[in-house]
Protein backbone atom coordinates (compact mmCIF):
# COMPACT_ATOMS: atom_id res chain seq x y z
CA MET A 1 0.00 0.00 0.00
CA ALA A 2 2.82 2.40 0.86
CA GLN A 3 4.57 1.55 -2.41
CA LYS A 4 1.47 2.45 -4.37
CA LYS A 5 1.27 5.87 -2.67
CA GLU A 6 4.96 6.52 -3.36
CA LEU A 7 4.54 5.63 -7.03
CA GLN A 8 1.47 7.84 -7.30
CA LYS A 9 3.34 10.74 -5.68
CA LYS A 10 6.28 10.34 -8.11
CA PHE A 11 3.86 10.23 -11.04
CA GLU A 12 2.14 13.45 -9.88
CA GLN A 13 5.49 15.20 -9.46
CA ARG A 14 6.61 14.13 -12.93
CA GLU A 15 3.27 15.30 -14.36
CA MET A 16 3.68 18.77 -12.82
CA GLU A 17 7.28 19.23 -14.01
CA ILE A 18 7.43 21.57 -16.94
CA GLN A 19 9.91 20.55 -19.55
CA ARG A 20 10.47 22.46 -22.74
CA VAL A 21 7.19 23.74 -24.11
CA ARG A 22 6.91 23.73 -27.86
CA LEU A 23 6.04 27.14 -29.26
CA PRO A 24 4.67 27.90 -32.75
CA ARG A 25 7.26 28.11 -35.52
CA GLY A 26 6.69 29.62 -38.91
CA ARG A 27 3.02 29.47 -39.90
CA GLU A 28 1.86 27.37 -36.91
CA VAL A 29 -0.88 28.75 -34.63
CA PHE A 30 -2.51 27.74 -31.35
CA GLY A 31 -6.02 26.32 -31.48
CA VAL A 32 -8.79 24.84 -29.33
CA LEU A 33 -10.36 21.60 -30.52
CA GLU A 34 -14.11 22.18 -30.64
CA GLN A 35 -15.53 19.04 -32.21
CA ARG A 36 -14.32 15.66 -33.43
CA LEU A 37 -15.70 14.84 -36.85
CA GLY A 38 -14.42 11.30 -37.39
CA SER A 39 -11.71 9.68 -39.54
CA SER A 40 -8.99 11.70 -37.73
CA ARG A 41 -10.58 15.06 -38.59
CA SER A 42 -11.59 17.74 -36.11
CA LYS A 43 -13.00 21.24 -36.05
CA VAL A 44 -10.48 23.60 -34.45
CA ARG A 45 -10.93 27.28 -33.54
CA CYS A 46 -7.52 28.91 -34.02
CA LEU A 47 -6.26 31.95 -32.18
CA ASP A 48 -5.81 33.85 -35.45
CA GLY A 49 -9.63 34.08 -35.57
CA LYS A 50 -10.26 31.34 -38.14
CA GLU A 51 -12.06 28.04 -37.78
CA ARG A 52 -10.35 25.16 -39.56
CA ILE A 53 -11.11 21.54 -40.33
CA CYS A 54 -7.89 19.85 -39.21
CA ARG A 55 -6.65 16.34 -39.60
CA ILE A 56 -4.09 14.32 -37.68
CA PRO A 57 -1.33 13.30 -40.13
CA GLY A 58 -0.63 9.59 -40.59
CA ARG A 59 2.72 9.72 -38.79
CA LEU A 60 0.95 10.94 -35.62
CA ARG A 61 -2.37 9.12 -35.94
CA ARG A 62 -1.70 6.40 -33.38
CA ARG A 63 0.35 8.53 -30.99
CA LEU A 64 -1.75 11.70 -30.78
CA TRP A 65 -5.08 11.27 -29.00
CA VAL A 66 -7.16 14.41 -28.76
CA ARG A 67 -10.41 15.35 -27.04
CA GLU A 68 -12.68 18.36 -27.19
CA ARG A 69 -11.34 21.49 -25.43
CA ASP A 70 -7.70 20.38 -25.88
CA ILE A 71 -5.17 23.06 -26.78
CA VAL A 72 -3.35 22.04 -29.95
CA LEU A 73 -0.80 23.41 -32.37
CA VAL A 74 -2.16 23.73 -35.92
CA GLU A 75 -0.19 24.08 -39.12
CA PRO A 76 -2.40 25.58 -41.87
CA TRP A 77 -2.19 24.03 -45.30
CA GLU A 78 -0.38 25.87 -48.05
CA TYR A 79 -3.54 25.85 -50.18
CA GLU A 80 -6.90 26.46 -48.49
CA GLY A 81 -4.95 27.45 -45.36
CA ASP A 82 -7.85 29.55 -44.07
CA THR A 83 -10.16 26.54 -43.86
CA LYS A 84 -7.91 23.46 -43.47
CA GLY A 85 -4.82 22.42 -41.54
CA ASP A 86 -2.93 19.68 -39.69
CA ILE A 87 -2.81 19.10 -35.93
CA VAL A 88 0.90 18.90 -35.16
CA PHE A 89 1.07 18.84 -31.35
CA LYS A 90 -1.20 18.54 -28.30
CA TYR A 91 -0.38 20.43 -25.09
CA ARG A 92 -0.71 18.83 -21.66
CA PHE A 93 -2.40 20.50 -18.70
CA ASN A 94 0.79 21.84 -17.11
CA GLN A 95 2.04 23.13 -20.48
CA VAL A 96 -1.24 25.01 -21.03
CA TYR A 97 -0.90 26.52 -17.56
CA TRP A 98 2.64 27.72 -18.41
CA LEU A 99 1.51 29.17 -21.75
CA LYS A 100 -1.33 31.09 -20.06
CA LYS A 101 1.01 32.36 -17.35
CA LYS A 102 3.52 33.63 -19.93
CA GLY A 103 0.78 35.32 -22.00
CA TYR A 104 0.90 33.19 -25.15
CA LEU A 105 -2.80 32.29 -24.92
CA LYS A 106 -4.28 35.75 -24.34
CA GLY A 107 -6.67 35.34 -27.28
CA LEU A 108 -7.95 32.12 -25.73
CA GLU A 109 -9.96 33.84 -22.99
CA GLU A 110 -11.59 36.12 -25.56
CA ALA A 111 -12.43 33.15 -27.79
CA GLU A 112 -14.00 31.18 -24.90
CA GLU A 113 -16.46 33.98 -24.12
CA PHE A 114 -18.42 33.39 -27.31
C-alpha cells in the first residue's frame, strides 16, 4: 500500500514538471479543438480568428489522442490554409498553464467567451 502511494506521488510530481514547451514556428498557430468529426478530422478554432477543419497526419495518428477542449498546435495548409490544416502537437495541462502564465494564450480567454 505504501509503495502504491509513493509511485502515485512520483507520477504526480513528474506530471507537474514543466519541460520544454513547444512554441509555434513559422506558420503554426494555437487552437482549441471544438468538435471531433471522425476519420482523424476535427473542427479547431484557431487563435488567429479562423475556424479550420484539421486532420491528424498519418505519422501521428496512433500517438496523438485528442479530445474536445484540448489546446493544440495547428499548421495551416499551403492551399486552403484559411479553412484546413494539420494538428501537429497537443499540449498537456501543465504546459497550457505555463503558456497562459507567460501570455501566449491571451486570445484564448476572448475566444472562450463566445
